Amino acid sequence: MIELIPAIDIINGQCVRLTKGDYQQKTVYSDSPAEMAQRFEKAGCSRLHVVDLDGAKARHIVNVEVLKSITSSTSLVVDFGGGIKSDADIETAFACGAHKVTVGSVAVTNPDLFLAWIEKYGADRLILGADVRDGKISINGWKEDSAEDLLPFLRHYLDAGVTQVLCTDISKDGTLAGPALSLYRSIMQAYPSIHLIASGGVSSADDIMQLNAAGVPAVVFGKAFYEGRIDLEQLIKTLSSTK
């Protein structure tokens, strides 16, 4: 069964969603990310993806207190990303209760540091963020496109011990246009052992069922839930019945 990972994106301490990563296209859904996390837990989720969008922009963690409030008020397994650029940042994230961290930009700009983190913390606590725009890895809050092509980028880090990859199709993110099924299929065909977390474009429970049917191990979703397009408790029941 596909693992359901709701997302909480944070700007100014609020739970928000962007469209295609554009900070000018922001919708605020809650003033209390911790209360939103508690809703996800009550609905039956065990995981949560938290993104510090202020941190991604500032290139260091910003919403420390929000992360603490989420991890201290729920038993969710929280993976945290956004602004993790230094040893101090990753240590702060773990100290504030994050179980895992998602790292994207550093894996492009400072591979040695990312590899050192894998060595120090273990591959099970590091998720490689692969945010893709037109086939290239995007970095620094999606504000810059690197020269890295997706599949060779993944191959390099899978060879180095990475097992978990969060792949976001930026052109789909926040659009409710449906997930990039062909992209995820191509990744899984190239690297069958990968624990792929699909992200971007989920518009409905049916989209998640399609990802499940395609064998995608996990999915991150946000806007579809916030816009009332997904009944999370019903989706969990449906997925459980298809095991």
Protein backbone atom coordinates (compact mmCIF):
# COMPACT_ATOMS: atom_id res chain seq x y z
CA MET A 1 0.00 0.00 0.00
CA ILE A 2 1.29 3.44 -0.89
CA GLU A 3 2.37 5.49 2.13
CA LEU A 4 0.39 8.70 2.57
CA ILE A 5 2.49 11.70 3.59
CA PRO A 6 0.56 14.95 4.00
CA ALA A 7 2.56 18.15 3.61
CA ILE A 8 2.69 21.29 5.69
CA ASP A 9 4.53 24.18 4.02
CA ILE A 10 5.38 27.10 6.29
CA ILE A 11 5.74 30.81 5.63
CA ASN A 12 5.66 33.30 8.52
CA GLY A 13 4.56 30.53 10.86
CA GLN A 14 1.47 29.78 8.78
CA CYS A 15 0.44 26.69 6.84
CA VAL A 16 0.45 27.67 3.16
CA ARG A 17 0.62 26.25 -0.37
CA LEU A 18 2.35 27.76 -3.36
CA THR A 19 1.65 27.17 -7.05
CA LYS A 20 4.69 25.88 -8.98
CA GLY A 21 6.91 27.11 -6.16
CA ASP A 22 5.98 30.75 -6.81
CA TYR A 23 6.09 32.73 -3.55
CA GLN A 24 3.77 35.28 -5.16
CA GLN A 25 1.09 32.61 -5.62
CA LYS A 26 0.49 31.79 -1.97
CA THR A 27 -2.66 30.57 -0.23
CA VAL A 28 -2.82 30.49 3.59
CA TYR A 29 -4.77 27.51 4.97
CA SER A 30 -4.09 27.72 8.69
CA ASP A 31 -2.45 29.95 11.27
CA SER A 32 -1.52 26.86 13.30
CA PRO A 33 0.58 24.22 11.55
CA ALA A 34 0.61 22.18 14.78
CA GLU A 35 -3.18 21.96 14.80
CA MET A 36 -3.12 20.93 11.15
CA ALA A 37 -0.59 18.20 11.99
CA GLN A 38 -2.90 16.97 14.74
CA ARG A 39 -5.73 16.74 12.19
CA PHE A 40 -3.59 14.56 9.96
CA GLU A 41 -2.69 12.31 12.88
CA LYS A 42 -6.32 12.02 13.96
CA ALA A 43 -7.31 11.04 10.41
CA GLY A 44 -4.93 8.09 10.59
CA CYS A 45 -1.66 9.32 9.09
CA SER A 46 1.65 8.37 10.67
CA ARG A 47 3.99 10.51 8.54
CA LEU A 48 4.28 14.23 7.83
CA HIS A 49 6.37 16.25 5.38
CA VAL A 50 7.20 19.74 6.69
CA VAL A 51 8.81 22.38 4.50
CA ASP A 52 10.26 25.62 5.82
CA LEU A 53 9.68 27.84 2.77
CA ASP A 54 11.14 30.83 4.58
CA GLY A 55 14.20 28.70 5.24
CA ALA A 56 14.49 27.61 1.62
CA LYS A 57 14.49 31.25 0.59
CA ALA A 58 16.86 32.42 3.35
CA ARG A 59 19.18 29.40 2.93
CA HIS A 60 19.03 28.49 6.61
CA ILE A 61 16.31 27.13 8.90
CA VAL A 62 13.86 29.83 9.97
CA ASN A 63 10.67 28.25 11.40
CA VAL A 64 12.32 26.39 14.28
CA GLU A 65 9.52 26.99 16.78
CA VAL A 66 6.88 25.71 14.36
CA LEU A 67 8.82 22.48 13.88
CA LYS A 68 9.12 22.09 17.65
CA SER A 69 5.38 22.67 18.11
CA ILE A 70 4.54 19.97 15.56
CA THR A 71 6.92 17.33 16.88
CA SER A 72 6.04 17.98 20.51
CA SER A 73 2.26 17.84 19.97
CA THR A 74 2.03 14.76 17.74
CA SER A 75 3.63 11.33 17.40
CA LEU A 76 3.93 11.71 13.63
CA VAL A 77 7.18 10.70 11.94
CA VAL A 78 8.21 14.11 10.63
CA ASP A 79 10.56 14.68 7.75
CA PHE A 80 11.72 18.26 7.50
CA GLY A 81 13.21 20.25 4.65
CA GLY A 82 13.86 23.81 3.59
CA GLY A 83 17.00 25.75 4.39
CA ILE A 84 19.17 22.86 5.53
CA LYS A 85 22.52 24.09 4.27
CA SER A 86 24.97 23.51 7.13
CA ASP A 87 25.90 21.18 9.98
CA ALA A 88 24.18 23.61 12.33
CA ASP A 89 20.96 23.46 10.30
CA ILE A 90 20.72 19.68 10.22
CA GLU A 91 21.59 19.42 13.90
CA THR A 92 18.87 21.96 14.68
CA ALA A 93 16.28 20.02 12.68
CA PHE A 94 17.03 16.80 14.54
CA ALA A 95 17.20 18.57 17.89
CA CYS A 96 13.74 20.02 17.25
CA GLY A 97 12.29 16.54 16.79
CA ALA A 98 12.52 15.84 13.06
CA HIS A 99 12.93 12.11 12.46
CA LYS A 100 14.27 12.60 8.93
CA VAL A 101 15.48 15.52 6.84
CA THR A 102 15.01 16.16 3.15
CA VAL A 103 18.08 17.64 1.48
CA GLY A 104 18.13 18.89 -2.10
CA SER A 105 20.26 21.95 -2.75
CA VAL A 106 23.27 20.80 -0.73
CA ALA A 107 23.32 17.52 -2.65
CA VAL A 108 23.90 19.62 -5.77
CA THR A 109 26.12 22.41 -4.47
CA ASN A 110 28.13 20.57 -1.80
CA PRO A 111 28.08 16.82 -2.46
CA ASP A 112 30.85 16.12 0.04
CA LEU A 113 28.80 17.64 2.86
CA PHE A 114 25.73 15.63 1.92
CA LEU A 115 27.76 12.42 1.81
CA ALA A 116 29.24 13.27 5.21
CA TRP A 117 25.71 13.61 6.60
CA ILE A 118 24.79 10.19 5.23
CA GLU A 119 27.86 8.77 6.95
CA LYS A 120 27.13 10.54 10.24
CA TYR A 121 23.35 10.16 10.55
CA GLY A 122 22.63 7.11 8.39
CA ALA A 123 20.82 6.80 5.06
CA ASP A 124 17.52 6.04 6.82
CA ARG A 125 17.42 9.60 8.21
CA LEU A 126 18.32 11.39 4.97
CA ILE A 127 15.89 11.86 2.07
CA LEU A 128 17.36 13.09 -1.19
CA GLY A 129 15.23 15.91 -2.56
CA ALA A 130 15.06 15.83 -6.35
CA ASP A 131 12.99 18.81 -7.47
CA VAL A 132 12.71 18.70 -11.24
CA ARG A 133 11.97 21.36 -13.82
CA ASP A 134 12.34 20.46 -17.51
CA GLY A 135 14.46 17.45 -16.60
CA LYS A 136 16.96 19.46 -14.51
CA ILE A 137 17.36 19.54 -10.73
CA SER A 138 16.21 22.84 -9.26
CA ILE A 139 17.72 24.29 -6.06
CA ASN A 140 17.39 27.05 -3.43
CA GLY A 141 13.63 27.08 -3.07
CA TRP A 142 13.22 26.34 -6.80
CA LYS A 143 14.67 29.72 -7.64
CA GLU A 144 17.63 28.28 -9.57
CA ASP A 145 17.95 25.43 -12.07
CA SER A 146 21.17 23.44 -11.91
CA ALA A 147 22.92 21.63 -14.76
CA GLU A 148 22.17 18.25 -13.13
CA ASP A 149 20.02 15.80 -15.11
CA LEU A 150 17.62 13.81 -12.95
CA LEU A 151 18.56 10.16 -13.57
CA PRO A 152 22.37 10.55 -13.39
CA PHE A 153 21.91 12.69 -10.27
CA LEU A 154 19.90 9.92 -8.62
CA ARG A 155 22.34 7.22 -9.76
CA HIS A 156 25.26 9.01 -8.12
CA TYR A 157 23.58 9.11 -4.72
CA LEU A 158 21.98 5.68 -4.90
CA ASP A 159 25.49 4.34 -5.45
CA ALA A 160 26.55 6.30 -2.34
CA GLY A 161 23.91 4.61 -0.18
CA VAL A 162 20.84 6.83 -0.49
CA THR A 163 17.63 4.80 -0.44
CA GLN A 164 14.88 7.43 -0.16
CA VAL A 165 14.15 10.04 -2.83
CA LEU A 166 11.48 12.73 -2.77
CA CYS A 167 10.85 13.74 -6.37
CA THR A 168 8.73 16.80 -7.11
CA ASP A 169 7.70 17.81 -10.62
CA ILE A 170 7.72 21.59 -10.16
CA SER A 171 5.46 22.15 -13.17
CA LYS A 172 2.77 20.13 -11.38
CA ASP A 173 3.22 21.31 -7.81
CA GLY A 174 0.20 23.09 -6.37
CA THR A 175 -1.67 22.96 -9.68
CA LEU A 176 -4.10 20.10 -8.93
CA ALA A 177 -3.35 18.96 -12.48
CA GLY A 178 -2.55 15.35 -11.63
CA PRO A 179 0.79 13.74 -10.75
CA ALA A 180 3.64 13.12 -13.20
CA LEU A 181 3.00 9.38 -13.51
CA SER A 182 5.29 8.94 -16.50
CA LEU A 183 8.16 10.61 -14.64
CA TYR A 184 7.76 8.34 -11.62
CA ARG A 185 7.44 5.26 -13.78
CA SER A 186 10.67 6.16 -15.59
CA ILE A 187 12.51 6.58 -12.28
CA MET A 188 11.25 3.26 -10.93
CA GLN A 189 12.05 1.49 -14.17
CA ALA A 190 15.62 2.82 -14.04
CA TYR A 191 16.06 2.15 -10.31
CA PRO A 192 13.64 -0.57 -9.11
CA SER A 193 15.03 -0.63 -5.55
CA ILE A 194 14.43 3.06 -4.89
CA HIS A 195 12.01 4.16 -2.16
CA LEU A 196 10.40 6.86 -4.25
CA ILE A 197 8.21 9.53 -2.70
CA ALA A 198 6.13 11.18 -5.42
CA SER A 199 5.19 14.84 -5.00
CA GLY A 200 3.34 17.43 -7.03
CA GLY A 201 0.01 17.73 -8.76
CA VAL A 202 -2.14 15.35 -6.70
CA SER A 203 -5.73 16.50 -7.20
CA SER A 204 -7.84 13.67 -5.80
CA ALA A 205 -7.96 10.30 -4.11
CA ASP A 206 -8.10 8.76 -7.59
CA ASP A 207 -4.66 10.24 -8.40
CA ILE A 208 -3.26 8.54 -5.32
CA MET A 209 -4.93 5.26 -6.26
CA GLN A 210 -3.23 5.50 -9.68
CA LEU A 211 0.14 6.04 -8.04
CA ASN A 212 -0.57 3.07 -5.78
CA ALA A 213 -1.46 0.92 -8.80
CA ALA A 214 1.80 1.98 -10.46
CA GLY A 215 3.73 0.68 -7.45
CA VAL A 216 4.95 4.06 -6.21
CA PRO A 217 5.97 3.50 -2.55
CA ALA A 218 4.87 6.86 -1.11
CA VAL A 219 3.17 10.12 -2.01
CA VAL A 220 3.28 13.66 -0.61
CA PHE A 221 0.11 15.69 -1.01
CA GLY A 222 -1.24 18.95 0.35
CA LYS A 223 -3.42 21.26 -1.68
CA ALA A 224 -5.94 18.57 -2.65
CA PHE A 225 -6.60 17.95 1.04
CA TYR A 226 -6.73 21.62 1.96
CA GLU A 227 -9.16 22.30 -0.89
CA GLY A 228 -11.49 19.52 0.30
CA ARG A 229 -10.81 17.20 -2.65
CA ILE A 230 -9.56 14.30 -0.51
CA ASP A 231 -11.44 12.60 2.33
CA LEU A 232 -8.36 11.33 4.11
CA GLU A 233 -10.07 8.85 6.42
CA GLN A 234 -11.99 7.32 3.51
CA LEU A 235 -8.85 7.16 1.38
CA ILE A 236 -7.00 5.27 4.12
CA LYS A 237 -9.89 2.78 4.37
CA THR A 238 -9.95 2.32 0.58
CA LEU A 239 -6.23 1.75 0.37
CA SER A 240 -6.33 -0.71 3.30
CA SER A 241 -8.98 -2.75 1.50
CA THR A 242 -6.79 -3.06 -1.60
CA LYS A 243 -3.82 -4.63 0.21
